[in-house]
N, C-alpha and C. Protein backbone atom coordinates (compact mmCIF):
# COMPACT_ATOMS: atom_id res chain seq x y z
N UNK A 1 -5.60 22.96 35.53
CA UNK A 1 -5.81 23.67 34.29
C UNK A 1 -6.62 24.89 34.67
N UNK A 2 -7.29 25.57 33.79
CA UNK A 2 -7.80 26.97 34.05
C UNK A 2 -8.96 26.90 35.02
N UNK A 3 -9.23 28.07 35.62
CA UNK A 3 -10.38 28.17 36.56
C UNK A 3 -11.62 28.18 35.79
N UNK A 4 -12.67 27.79 36.50
CA UNK A 4 -13.93 27.60 35.83
C UNK A 4 -14.70 28.91 35.49
N UNK A 5 -14.18 30.03 35.90
CA UNK A 5 -14.80 31.32 35.56
C UNK A 5 -14.40 31.86 34.15
N UNK A 6 -13.37 31.20 33.61
CA UNK A 6 -12.80 31.71 32.30
C UNK A 6 -13.42 30.94 31.14
N UNK A 7 -13.49 31.61 29.98
CA UNK A 7 -13.97 31.00 28.84
C UNK A 7 -12.91 30.33 27.94
N UNK A 8 -11.70 30.43 28.49
CA UNK A 8 -10.51 29.78 27.75
C UNK A 8 -9.94 28.71 28.56
N UNK A 9 -10.74 28.05 29.43
CA UNK A 9 -10.27 27.01 30.23
C UNK A 9 -10.28 25.66 29.55
N UNK A 10 -10.10 24.53 30.33
CA UNK A 10 -9.99 23.20 29.73
C UNK A 10 -11.20 22.89 28.89
N UNK A 11 -12.41 23.11 29.39
CA UNK A 11 -13.56 22.79 28.54
C UNK A 11 -13.52 23.62 27.19
N UNK A 12 -13.11 24.84 27.28
CA UNK A 12 -13.04 25.65 26.11
C UNK A 12 -12.02 25.14 25.13
N UNK A 13 -10.81 24.74 25.70
CA UNK A 13 -9.73 24.23 24.85
C UNK A 13 -10.17 22.92 24.19
N UNK A 14 -10.90 22.13 24.98
CA UNK A 14 -11.40 20.84 24.40
C UNK A 14 -12.36 21.04 23.30
N UNK A 15 -13.27 22.04 23.42
CA UNK A 15 -14.27 22.36 22.36
C UNK A 15 -13.46 22.81 21.13
N UNK A 16 -12.43 23.56 21.31
CA UNK A 16 -11.61 24.01 20.18
C UNK A 16 -11.02 22.85 19.43
N UNK A 17 -10.48 21.86 20.12
CA UNK A 17 -9.85 20.71 19.46
C UNK A 17 -10.72 19.55 19.08
N UNK A 18 -11.91 19.38 19.67
CA UNK A 18 -12.71 18.20 19.39
C UNK A 18 -13.50 18.34 18.08
N UNK A 19 -13.38 17.34 17.23
CA UNK A 19 -14.23 17.28 16.00
C UNK A 19 -14.69 15.86 15.84
N UNK A 20 -15.75 15.67 15.05
CA UNK A 20 -16.28 14.29 14.91
C UNK A 20 -15.37 13.43 14.00
N UNK A 21 -15.23 12.13 14.38
CA UNK A 21 -14.43 11.26 13.53
C UNK A 21 -15.28 10.60 12.45
N UNK A 22 -14.55 9.80 11.63
CA UNK A 22 -15.21 9.11 10.51
C UNK A 22 -15.18 7.62 10.76
N UNK A 23 -16.25 6.92 10.48
CA UNK A 23 -16.28 5.46 10.71
C UNK A 23 -15.61 4.76 9.48
N UNK A 24 -15.10 3.62 9.74
CA UNK A 24 -14.47 2.84 8.68
C UNK A 24 -15.11 1.47 8.56
N UNK A 25 -15.51 1.03 7.48
CA UNK A 25 -16.19 -0.22 7.25
C UNK A 25 -15.13 -1.33 7.32
N UNK A 26 -15.48 -2.43 7.87
CA UNK A 26 -14.58 -3.65 8.05
C UNK A 26 -14.65 -4.49 6.85
N UNK A 27 -13.51 -5.12 6.53
CA UNK A 27 -13.52 -6.16 5.41
C UNK A 27 -14.04 -7.44 5.90
N UNK A 28 -14.56 -8.30 5.01
CA UNK A 28 -15.05 -9.65 5.40
C UNK A 28 -13.99 -10.37 6.16
N UNK A 29 -14.43 -11.17 7.16
CA UNK A 29 -13.47 -11.83 8.04
C UNK A 29 -13.06 -13.15 7.53
N UNK A 30 -11.77 -13.45 7.58
CA UNK A 30 -11.20 -14.80 7.25
C UNK A 30 -10.83 -15.38 8.61
N UNK A 31 -11.57 -16.40 9.02
CA UNK A 31 -11.30 -16.93 10.36
C UNK A 31 -9.93 -17.44 10.55
N UNK A 32 -9.45 -18.15 9.53
CA UNK A 32 -8.04 -18.71 9.63
C UNK A 32 -6.96 -17.58 9.78
N UNK A 33 -7.13 -16.54 9.00
CA UNK A 33 -6.23 -15.44 9.05
C UNK A 33 -6.39 -14.73 10.42
N UNK A 34 -7.58 -14.63 10.87
CA UNK A 34 -7.78 -14.00 12.18
C UNK A 34 -7.14 -14.80 13.31
N UNK A 35 -7.30 -16.12 13.30
CA UNK A 35 -6.66 -16.96 14.29
C UNK A 35 -5.15 -16.86 14.23
N UNK A 36 -4.60 -16.85 13.06
CA UNK A 36 -3.12 -16.75 12.88
C UNK A 36 -2.66 -15.32 13.42
N UNK A 37 -3.33 -14.28 13.07
CA UNK A 37 -2.94 -12.97 13.59
C UNK A 37 -3.03 -12.89 15.07
N UNK A 38 -3.99 -13.52 15.67
CA UNK A 38 -4.11 -13.49 17.16
C UNK A 38 -2.96 -14.31 17.74
N UNK A 39 -2.68 -15.47 17.14
CA UNK A 39 -1.57 -16.31 17.63
C UNK A 39 -0.25 -15.52 17.59
N UNK A 40 0.01 -14.88 16.43
CA UNK A 40 1.28 -14.17 16.29
C UNK A 40 1.32 -12.92 17.22
N UNK A 41 0.18 -12.34 17.45
CA UNK A 41 0.18 -11.20 18.37
C UNK A 41 0.68 -11.54 19.76
N UNK A 42 0.40 -12.91 20.15
CA UNK A 42 0.87 -13.42 21.37
C UNK A 42 2.37 -13.85 21.33
N UNK A 43 2.93 -13.88 20.08
CA UNK A 43 4.30 -14.31 19.94
C UNK A 43 4.42 -15.78 20.07
N UNK A 44 3.34 -16.56 19.72
CA UNK A 44 3.36 -18.02 19.87
C UNK A 44 3.62 -18.71 18.53
N UNK A 45 4.26 -19.88 18.61
CA UNK A 45 4.41 -20.74 17.52
C UNK A 45 3.10 -21.56 17.45
N UNK A 46 2.97 -22.34 16.33
CA UNK A 46 1.79 -23.23 16.22
C UNK A 46 1.73 -24.21 17.42
N UNK A 47 2.89 -24.79 17.78
CA UNK A 47 2.98 -25.70 18.86
C UNK A 47 2.54 -25.09 20.20
N UNK A 48 3.06 -23.87 20.43
CA UNK A 48 2.78 -23.20 21.62
C UNK A 48 1.22 -22.86 21.74
N UNK A 49 0.68 -22.38 20.66
CA UNK A 49 -0.74 -21.97 20.67
C UNK A 49 -1.61 -23.22 20.80
N UNK A 50 -1.25 -24.31 20.11
CA UNK A 50 -2.01 -25.53 20.19
C UNK A 50 -1.94 -26.03 21.60
N UNK A 51 -0.84 -25.96 22.25
CA UNK A 51 -0.71 -26.38 23.63
C UNK A 51 -1.61 -25.57 24.55
N UNK A 52 -1.63 -24.28 24.40
CA UNK A 52 -2.43 -23.41 25.16
C UNK A 52 -3.93 -23.72 24.99
N UNK A 53 -4.34 -24.05 23.72
CA UNK A 53 -5.72 -24.30 23.42
C UNK A 53 -6.12 -25.75 23.71
N UNK A 54 -5.19 -26.65 23.87
CA UNK A 54 -5.51 -28.06 24.12
C UNK A 54 -5.92 -28.71 22.79
N UNK A 55 -5.36 -28.29 21.64
CA UNK A 55 -5.66 -28.84 20.30
C UNK A 55 -4.34 -29.43 19.76
N UNK A 56 -4.57 -30.29 18.86
CA UNK A 56 -3.42 -30.86 18.10
C UNK A 56 -2.85 -29.82 17.21
N UNK A 57 -1.56 -29.83 17.01
CA UNK A 57 -0.88 -28.83 16.16
C UNK A 57 -1.49 -28.92 14.72
N UNK A 58 -1.74 -30.16 14.25
CA UNK A 58 -2.25 -30.35 12.92
C UNK A 58 -3.68 -29.71 12.73
N UNK A 59 -4.42 -29.83 13.81
CA UNK A 59 -5.79 -29.16 13.85
C UNK A 59 -5.67 -27.71 13.70
N UNK A 60 -4.84 -27.05 14.55
CA UNK A 60 -4.71 -25.66 14.50
C UNK A 60 -4.19 -25.24 13.10
N UNK A 61 -3.28 -25.92 12.54
CA UNK A 61 -2.68 -25.57 11.26
C UNK A 61 -3.80 -25.63 10.18
N UNK A 62 -4.67 -26.61 10.19
CA UNK A 62 -5.75 -26.75 9.26
C UNK A 62 -6.76 -25.59 9.40
N UNK A 63 -7.01 -25.16 10.69
CA UNK A 63 -7.89 -24.00 10.91
C UNK A 63 -7.32 -22.75 10.30
N UNK A 64 -6.03 -22.49 10.53
CA UNK A 64 -5.39 -21.31 10.07
C UNK A 64 -5.33 -21.25 8.52
N UNK A 65 -5.22 -22.40 7.95
CA UNK A 65 -5.10 -22.47 6.49
C UNK A 65 -6.42 -22.71 5.75
N UNK A 66 -7.54 -22.65 6.53
CA UNK A 66 -8.84 -22.82 5.95
C UNK A 66 -9.14 -24.17 5.41
N UNK A 67 -8.47 -25.17 5.98
CA UNK A 67 -8.65 -26.54 5.50
C UNK A 67 -9.69 -27.41 6.25
N UNK A 68 -10.28 -26.71 7.35
CA UNK A 68 -11.35 -27.42 8.07
C UNK A 68 -12.15 -26.35 8.82
N UNK A 69 -13.41 -26.61 9.01
CA UNK A 69 -14.29 -25.76 9.78
C UNK A 69 -14.35 -26.27 11.21
N UNK A 70 -13.83 -25.51 12.17
CA UNK A 70 -13.75 -25.97 13.57
C UNK A 70 -15.12 -26.07 14.15
N UNK A 71 -15.28 -27.08 15.10
CA UNK A 71 -16.52 -27.19 15.82
C UNK A 71 -16.61 -26.12 16.94
N UNK A 72 -17.76 -25.98 17.49
CA UNK A 72 -17.83 -24.91 18.55
C UNK A 72 -16.90 -25.24 19.64
N UNK A 73 -16.71 -26.56 20.04
CA UNK A 73 -15.85 -26.98 21.08
C UNK A 73 -14.40 -26.51 20.82
N UNK A 74 -13.96 -26.71 19.55
CA UNK A 74 -12.67 -26.30 19.16
C UNK A 74 -12.50 -24.82 19.16
N UNK A 75 -13.54 -24.03 18.79
CA UNK A 75 -13.51 -22.60 18.83
C UNK A 75 -13.42 -22.13 20.26
N UNK A 76 -14.15 -22.80 21.22
CA UNK A 76 -14.10 -22.41 22.59
C UNK A 76 -12.72 -22.68 23.23
N UNK A 77 -12.07 -23.77 22.83
CA UNK A 77 -10.73 -24.04 23.25
C UNK A 77 -9.76 -23.00 22.74
N UNK A 78 -9.92 -22.66 21.43
CA UNK A 78 -9.11 -21.64 20.85
C UNK A 78 -9.20 -20.33 21.61
N UNK A 79 -10.47 -19.88 21.81
CA UNK A 79 -10.72 -18.61 22.50
C UNK A 79 -10.14 -18.67 23.96
N UNK A 80 -10.35 -19.71 24.67
CA UNK A 80 -9.80 -19.81 26.01
C UNK A 80 -8.28 -19.79 26.01
N UNK A 81 -7.67 -20.45 25.03
CA UNK A 81 -6.17 -20.46 24.93
C UNK A 81 -5.70 -19.07 24.63
N UNK A 82 -6.44 -18.32 23.79
CA UNK A 82 -5.96 -16.98 23.42
C UNK A 82 -6.43 -15.92 24.50
N UNK A 83 -7.14 -16.37 25.48
CA UNK A 83 -7.68 -15.53 26.55
C UNK A 83 -8.58 -14.42 25.98
N UNK A 84 -9.44 -14.82 25.05
CA UNK A 84 -10.48 -13.97 24.52
C UNK A 84 -11.80 -14.72 24.49
N UNK A 85 -12.88 -14.01 24.13
CA UNK A 85 -14.22 -14.58 24.03
C UNK A 85 -14.34 -15.20 22.58
N UNK A 86 -15.30 -16.17 22.42
CA UNK A 86 -15.56 -16.74 21.12
C UNK A 86 -16.01 -15.65 20.12
N UNK A 87 -16.86 -14.70 20.48
CA UNK A 87 -17.23 -13.69 19.47
C UNK A 87 -16.04 -12.83 19.02
N UNK A 88 -15.01 -12.74 19.82
CA UNK A 88 -13.86 -11.94 19.40
C UNK A 88 -13.03 -12.66 18.30
N UNK A 89 -13.23 -13.96 18.20
CA UNK A 89 -12.61 -14.67 17.13
C UNK A 89 -13.19 -14.23 15.74
N UNK A 90 -14.41 -13.77 15.81
CA UNK A 90 -15.07 -13.34 14.59
C UNK A 90 -15.18 -11.85 14.42
N UNK A 91 -14.51 -11.09 15.33
CA UNK A 91 -14.52 -9.68 15.29
C UNK A 91 -13.24 -9.16 14.52
N UNK A 92 -13.42 -8.49 13.40
CA UNK A 92 -12.27 -7.96 12.71
C UNK A 92 -11.48 -6.97 13.48
N UNK A 93 -10.20 -7.06 13.43
CA UNK A 93 -9.34 -6.04 14.10
C UNK A 93 -9.58 -4.68 13.54
N UNK A 94 -9.41 -3.66 14.46
CA UNK A 94 -9.62 -2.29 13.92
C UNK A 94 -8.53 -1.94 12.93
N UNK A 95 -8.93 -1.38 11.82
CA UNK A 95 -7.97 -1.10 10.79
C UNK A 95 -7.22 0.21 11.18
N UNK A 96 -5.88 0.10 11.07
CA UNK A 96 -5.02 1.23 11.34
C UNK A 96 -4.35 1.67 10.07
N UNK A 97 -4.59 2.85 9.64
CA UNK A 97 -4.04 3.32 8.41
C UNK A 97 -3.26 4.59 8.67
N UNK A 98 -1.94 4.55 8.40
CA UNK A 98 -1.13 5.67 8.66
C UNK A 98 -1.47 6.80 7.75
N UNK A 99 -1.68 8.04 8.28
CA UNK A 99 -1.96 9.17 7.43
C UNK A 99 -0.78 10.16 7.34
N UNK A 100 0.26 9.88 8.05
CA UNK A 100 1.46 10.67 7.91
C UNK A 100 1.30 12.12 8.52
N UNK A 101 0.37 12.32 9.40
CA UNK A 101 0.19 13.69 9.96
C UNK A 101 1.32 14.02 10.88
N UNK A 102 1.76 15.24 10.81
CA UNK A 102 2.82 15.71 11.69
C UNK A 102 2.80 17.25 11.69
N UNK A 103 3.05 17.84 12.84
CA UNK A 103 3.28 19.23 12.92
C UNK A 103 4.31 19.57 13.95
N UNK A 104 5.05 20.58 13.74
CA UNK A 104 6.08 21.05 14.69
C UNK A 104 5.66 22.42 15.21
N UNK A 105 5.66 22.54 16.54
CA UNK A 105 5.33 23.84 17.19
C UNK A 105 6.57 24.44 17.80
N UNK A 106 7.09 25.48 17.25
CA UNK A 106 8.29 26.07 17.86
C UNK A 106 7.98 26.79 19.11
N UNK A 107 8.95 26.98 20.00
CA UNK A 107 8.77 27.60 21.29
C UNK A 107 8.16 28.98 21.06
N UNK A 108 7.07 29.22 21.78
CA UNK A 108 6.42 30.49 21.73
C UNK A 108 5.44 30.67 20.56
N UNK A 109 5.30 29.67 19.67
CA UNK A 109 4.45 29.77 18.54
C UNK A 109 3.12 29.15 18.69
N UNK A 110 2.88 28.62 19.86
CA UNK A 110 1.56 28.00 20.14
C UNK A 110 0.49 29.02 20.33
N UNK A 111 -0.76 28.65 20.09
CA UNK A 111 -1.88 29.53 20.31
C UNK A 111 -2.07 29.85 21.77
N UNK A 112 -2.11 31.18 22.11
CA UNK A 112 -2.15 31.61 23.51
C UNK A 112 -3.60 31.70 24.03
N UNK A 113 -3.83 31.23 25.22
CA UNK A 113 -5.11 31.34 25.88
C UNK A 113 -4.85 31.67 27.33
N UNK A 114 -4.90 32.99 27.72
CA UNK A 114 -4.56 33.42 29.03
C UNK A 114 -5.82 33.46 29.92
N UNK A 115 -5.65 33.12 31.14
CA UNK A 115 -6.68 33.20 32.21
C UNK A 115 -6.12 33.84 33.47
N UNK A 116 -6.91 34.02 34.46
CA UNK A 116 -6.45 34.67 35.67
C UNK A 116 -5.44 33.79 36.47
N UNK A 117 -5.48 32.47 36.25
CA UNK A 117 -4.69 31.53 37.03
C UNK A 117 -3.56 30.85 36.18
N UNK A 118 -3.82 30.77 34.94
CA UNK A 118 -2.82 30.14 33.99
C UNK A 118 -2.64 30.89 32.71
N UNK A 119 -1.54 30.70 32.10
CA UNK A 119 -1.32 31.17 30.67
C UNK A 119 -1.09 29.88 29.85
N UNK A 120 -2.09 29.50 29.06
CA UNK A 120 -1.97 28.35 28.24
C UNK A 120 -1.33 28.65 26.87
N UNK A 121 -0.45 27.73 26.37
CA UNK A 121 -0.01 27.77 25.01
C UNK A 121 -0.39 26.46 24.36
N UNK A 122 -1.43 26.51 23.52
CA UNK A 122 -1.93 25.32 22.83
C UNK A 122 -1.00 24.93 21.82
N UNK A 123 -0.53 23.60 21.88
CA UNK A 123 0.47 23.03 20.95
C UNK A 123 -0.25 22.24 19.88
N UNK A 124 0.43 22.16 18.71
CA UNK A 124 -0.10 21.37 17.58
C UNK A 124 -1.51 21.81 17.21
N UNK A 125 -1.80 23.13 17.39
CA UNK A 125 -3.17 23.58 17.11
C UNK A 125 -3.57 23.56 15.63
N UNK A 126 -2.61 23.41 14.74
CA UNK A 126 -2.92 23.32 13.33
C UNK A 126 -3.58 22.01 12.95
N UNK A 127 -3.42 20.94 13.76
CA UNK A 127 -4.00 19.67 13.47
C UNK A 127 -5.43 19.52 13.97
N UNK A 128 -6.31 19.01 13.08
CA UNK A 128 -7.71 18.82 13.41
C UNK A 128 -7.92 17.34 13.83
N UNK A 129 -9.01 17.09 14.48
CA UNK A 129 -9.40 15.68 14.83
C UNK A 129 -8.34 15.00 15.68
N UNK A 130 -7.72 15.73 16.59
CA UNK A 130 -6.68 15.22 17.49
C UNK A 130 -7.42 14.31 18.56
N UNK A 131 -6.72 13.33 19.03
CA UNK A 131 -7.19 12.52 20.16
C UNK A 131 -6.56 12.99 21.48
N UNK A 132 -5.64 13.88 21.40
CA UNK A 132 -5.08 14.42 22.54
C UNK A 132 -4.96 15.97 22.41
N UNK A 133 -5.01 16.69 23.51
CA UNK A 133 -4.90 18.14 23.49
C UNK A 133 -3.64 18.47 24.35
N UNK A 134 -2.44 18.75 23.66
CA UNK A 134 -1.27 19.11 24.47
C UNK A 134 -1.12 20.59 24.54
N UNK A 135 -0.67 21.06 25.71
CA UNK A 135 -0.43 22.45 25.81
C UNK A 135 0.51 22.69 27.02
N UNK A 136 1.26 23.80 26.87
CA UNK A 136 2.17 24.29 27.91
C UNK A 136 1.43 25.38 28.70
N UNK A 137 1.62 25.30 30.02
CA UNK A 137 0.99 26.26 30.84
C UNK A 137 1.91 26.95 31.80
N UNK A 138 1.81 28.23 32.06
CA UNK A 138 2.47 28.96 33.09
C UNK A 138 1.54 29.15 34.21
N UNK A 139 1.89 28.61 35.42
CA UNK A 139 1.00 28.63 36.60
C UNK A 139 1.12 29.93 37.30
N UNK A 140 0.10 30.81 37.24
CA UNK A 140 0.08 32.06 37.98
C UNK A 140 -0.45 31.96 39.40
N UNK A 141 -1.37 31.06 39.60
CA UNK A 141 -2.09 30.91 40.85
C UNK A 141 -1.11 30.58 41.96
N UNK A 142 -1.28 31.14 43.12
CA UNK A 142 -0.46 30.89 44.29
C UNK A 142 -1.32 30.28 45.44
N UNK A 143 -2.56 30.22 45.30
CA UNK A 143 -3.43 29.69 46.34
C UNK A 143 -4.78 29.18 45.82
N UNK A 144 -5.41 28.22 46.51
CA UNK A 144 -6.70 27.74 46.07
C UNK A 144 -7.84 28.84 46.08
N UNK A 145 -7.65 29.95 46.88
CA UNK A 145 -8.66 30.97 46.89
C UNK A 145 -8.71 31.72 45.60
N UNK A 146 -7.80 31.44 44.72
CA UNK A 146 -7.82 32.10 43.38
C UNK A 146 -8.68 31.46 42.39
N UNK A 147 -9.21 30.28 42.81
CA UNK A 147 -10.11 29.47 41.86
C UNK A 147 -11.51 29.57 42.39
N UNK A 148 -12.45 29.56 41.43
CA UNK A 148 -13.83 29.47 41.78
C UNK A 148 -14.34 28.05 41.86
N UNK A 149 -13.81 27.32 42.79
CA UNK A 149 -14.17 25.90 42.91
C UNK A 149 -13.20 25.07 42.13
N UNK A 150 -13.55 23.75 42.02
CA UNK A 150 -12.70 22.80 41.30
C UNK A 150 -12.84 22.95 39.80
N UNK A 151 -11.70 22.67 39.12
CA UNK A 151 -11.79 22.46 37.60
C UNK A 151 -12.05 21.03 37.41
N UNK A 152 -12.96 20.72 36.53
CA UNK A 152 -13.28 19.35 36.11
C UNK A 152 -13.76 19.32 34.74
N UNK A 153 -13.43 18.28 33.92
CA UNK A 153 -13.80 18.26 32.52
C UNK A 153 -13.71 16.80 32.08
N UNK A 154 -14.13 16.54 30.83
CA UNK A 154 -14.13 15.18 30.33
C UNK A 154 -12.61 14.74 30.11
N UNK A 155 -12.49 13.34 30.05
CA UNK A 155 -11.19 12.81 29.66
C UNK A 155 -10.28 12.45 30.80
N UNK A 156 -9.07 12.06 30.44
CA UNK A 156 -8.00 11.83 31.42
C UNK A 156 -6.93 12.84 31.12
N UNK A 157 -5.97 13.00 32.07
CA UNK A 157 -4.97 14.07 31.92
C UNK A 157 -3.61 13.63 32.40
N UNK A 158 -2.61 14.13 31.68
CA UNK A 158 -1.22 13.91 32.10
C UNK A 158 -0.59 15.24 32.30
N UNK A 159 0.14 15.39 33.46
CA UNK A 159 0.82 16.56 33.78
C UNK A 159 2.30 16.34 34.02
N UNK A 160 3.16 17.15 33.45
CA UNK A 160 4.60 17.03 33.69
C UNK A 160 5.10 18.42 34.04
N UNK A 161 5.87 18.51 35.18
CA UNK A 161 6.44 19.78 35.65
C UNK A 161 7.72 20.08 34.80
N UNK A 162 7.71 21.26 34.17
CA UNK A 162 8.87 21.65 33.37
C UNK A 162 9.84 22.50 34.16
N UNK A 163 9.28 23.51 34.88
CA UNK A 163 10.14 24.41 35.66
C UNK A 163 9.40 24.70 36.96
N UNK A 164 10.12 25.10 37.97
CA UNK A 164 9.49 25.48 39.23
C UNK A 164 8.96 24.37 40.10
N UNK A 165 8.12 24.73 41.06
CA UNK A 165 7.54 23.78 41.93
C UNK A 165 6.03 24.07 42.01
N UNK A 166 5.16 23.07 41.83
CA UNK A 166 3.76 23.22 41.97
C UNK A 166 3.15 22.37 43.08
N UNK A 167 1.97 22.66 43.42
CA UNK A 167 1.16 21.72 44.36
C UNK A 167 -0.11 21.40 43.58
N UNK A 168 -0.25 20.08 43.39
CA UNK A 168 -1.43 19.53 42.70
C UNK A 168 -2.49 19.25 43.76
N UNK A 169 -3.61 19.93 43.65
CA UNK A 169 -4.79 19.66 44.49
C UNK A 169 -5.73 18.81 43.70
N UNK A 170 -6.31 17.76 44.32
CA UNK A 170 -7.34 16.91 43.68
C UNK A 170 -8.40 16.65 44.70
N UNK A 171 -9.62 16.36 44.20
CA UNK A 171 -10.79 16.21 45.01
C UNK A 171 -10.68 15.03 46.03
N UNK A 172 -10.03 13.97 45.61
CA UNK A 172 -10.06 12.77 46.45
C UNK A 172 -8.76 12.39 47.08
N UNK A 173 -7.68 13.26 46.80
CA UNK A 173 -6.37 12.94 47.36
C UNK A 173 -5.75 14.08 48.14
N UNK A 174 -4.80 13.80 48.94
CA UNK A 174 -4.12 14.87 49.67
C UNK A 174 -3.28 15.67 48.64
N UNK A 175 -3.11 17.00 48.86
CA UNK A 175 -2.25 17.81 47.91
C UNK A 175 -0.88 17.23 47.82
N UNK A 176 -0.33 17.28 46.54
CA UNK A 176 1.01 16.69 46.24
C UNK A 176 1.92 17.82 45.69
N UNK A 177 3.06 17.97 46.37
CA UNK A 177 4.06 18.89 45.83
C UNK A 177 4.92 18.25 44.76
N UNK A 178 5.13 18.94 43.65
CA UNK A 178 5.77 18.30 42.52
C UNK A 178 6.85 19.27 41.97
N UNK A 179 8.02 18.74 41.61
CA UNK A 179 9.13 19.51 41.08
C UNK A 179 9.43 19.12 39.63
N UNK A 180 10.36 19.83 39.05
CA UNK A 180 10.80 19.54 37.70
C UNK A 180 11.03 18.06 37.44
N UNK A 181 10.37 17.56 36.42
CA UNK A 181 10.50 16.15 36.05
C UNK A 181 9.44 15.24 36.65
N UNK A 182 8.78 15.75 37.77
CA UNK A 182 7.69 14.91 38.29
C UNK A 182 6.46 14.96 37.39
N UNK A 183 5.67 13.89 37.41
CA UNK A 183 4.51 13.85 36.54
C UNK A 183 3.29 13.22 37.28
N UNK A 184 2.10 13.41 36.83
CA UNK A 184 0.88 12.83 37.33
C UNK A 184 -0.02 12.53 36.19
N UNK A 185 -0.82 11.44 36.38
CA UNK A 185 -1.86 11.01 35.37
C UNK A 185 -3.11 10.80 36.22
N UNK A 186 -4.20 11.49 35.84
CA UNK A 186 -5.45 11.42 36.66
C UNK A 186 -6.70 11.52 35.78
N UNK A 187 -7.75 11.15 36.44
CA UNK A 187 -9.12 11.30 35.85
C UNK A 187 -9.52 12.78 35.99
N UNK A 188 -9.70 13.43 34.81
CA UNK A 188 -9.98 14.86 34.74
C UNK A 188 -11.40 15.19 35.20
N UNK A 189 -12.28 14.20 35.34
CA UNK A 189 -13.57 14.51 35.88
C UNK A 189 -13.55 14.65 37.35
N UNK A 190 -12.43 14.26 37.97
CA UNK A 190 -12.20 14.54 39.41
C UNK A 190 -11.72 15.98 39.54
N UNK A 191 -12.28 16.72 40.48
CA UNK A 191 -11.91 18.08 40.63
C UNK A 191 -10.38 18.22 40.88
N UNK A 192 -9.78 19.23 40.18
CA UNK A 192 -8.32 19.37 40.33
C UNK A 192 -7.97 20.87 40.10
N UNK A 193 -6.91 21.35 40.77
CA UNK A 193 -6.35 22.63 40.55
C UNK A 193 -4.85 22.57 40.80
N UNK A 194 -4.09 23.49 40.23
CA UNK A 194 -2.64 23.55 40.35
C UNK A 194 -2.23 24.95 40.70
N UNK A 195 -1.30 24.99 41.72
CA UNK A 195 -0.80 26.28 42.13
C UNK A 195 0.72 26.20 42.12
N UNK A 196 1.34 27.36 41.93
CA UNK A 196 2.79 27.40 41.97
C UNK A 196 3.27 27.80 43.45
N UNK A 197 4.19 27.00 43.92
CA UNK A 197 4.66 27.23 45.38
C UNK A 197 6.13 27.68 45.25
N UNK A 198 6.65 27.96 44.07
CA UNK A 198 7.99 28.42 43.92
C UNK A 198 7.92 29.94 43.75
N UNK A 199 9.00 30.60 43.98
CA UNK A 199 9.02 32.11 43.82
C UNK A 199 8.59 32.60 42.44
N UNK A 200 9.03 31.85 41.41
CA UNK A 200 8.70 32.21 40.05
C UNK A 200 7.49 31.41 39.63
N UNK A 201 6.82 31.83 38.59
CA UNK A 201 5.74 31.03 37.97
C UNK A 201 6.26 29.70 37.55
N UNK A 202 5.64 28.64 37.88
CA UNK A 202 6.03 27.27 37.39
C UNK A 202 5.51 27.10 35.96
N UNK A 203 6.10 26.25 35.18
CA UNK A 203 5.61 25.91 33.85
C UNK A 203 5.37 24.37 33.87
N UNK A 204 4.36 23.94 33.17
CA UNK A 204 3.99 22.54 33.10
C UNK A 204 3.52 22.22 31.72
N UNK A 205 3.70 20.92 31.35
CA UNK A 205 3.07 20.41 30.16
C UNK A 205 1.86 19.63 30.58
N UNK A 206 0.72 19.95 29.92
CA UNK A 206 -0.51 19.27 30.11
C UNK A 206 -0.93 18.51 28.88
N UNK A 207 -1.41 17.31 28.97
CA UNK A 207 -1.93 16.55 27.83
C UNK A 207 -3.26 16.01 28.26
N UNK A 208 -4.36 16.42 27.55
CA UNK A 208 -5.70 15.98 27.85
C UNK A 208 -6.26 15.07 26.77
N UNK A 209 -6.89 13.98 27.18
CA UNK A 209 -7.44 13.08 26.11
C UNK A 209 -8.71 13.70 25.66
N UNK A 210 -8.93 13.49 24.38
CA UNK A 210 -10.17 13.95 23.69
C UNK A 210 -11.11 12.86 23.26
N UNK A 211 -10.61 11.66 23.17
CA UNK A 211 -11.41 10.56 22.69
C UNK A 211 -12.32 10.02 23.85
């Protein structure tokens, strides 16, 4: 991503996109419903789940239907069978509510952020509170001497080569040459730089996590 001497580099792009989220209060927990949801998430029938937990099918059925209060021993067996901890049985699942957000960015219509080493085109910039920062970049740099040290910033990063050939330099790995269709996923706090090794400027898709 961009060199550290520029004000429109990764850290700047992340600051543009990052906004505080809103907390959601959880509804009261129904243990039977929670156990049923956990079982179904595993794709298990009552018989299969009971077998995994070492409980009678009738016992598990009564727990799911709120017809009995399980002992701690039964709860421990349930948790072990579901491969979770006992407290997780009483932890409400995160609520997921579809908000229907969507935006289309036409070619060339993204917000431009040019630096000495890259030309960034910020995608989906109309959306606020994003959990990812996607952008297209044209790689101008042809050598590591064009950077003022490593680029590093918060989050994880996904890179996909769209055109040309690049060389990905990272702090802890040997340089990797990548061509169209090649991709990499890495810890963005690790120093990294990208240069184009093809005659023309290479273009890449970058997606940086914001959460």
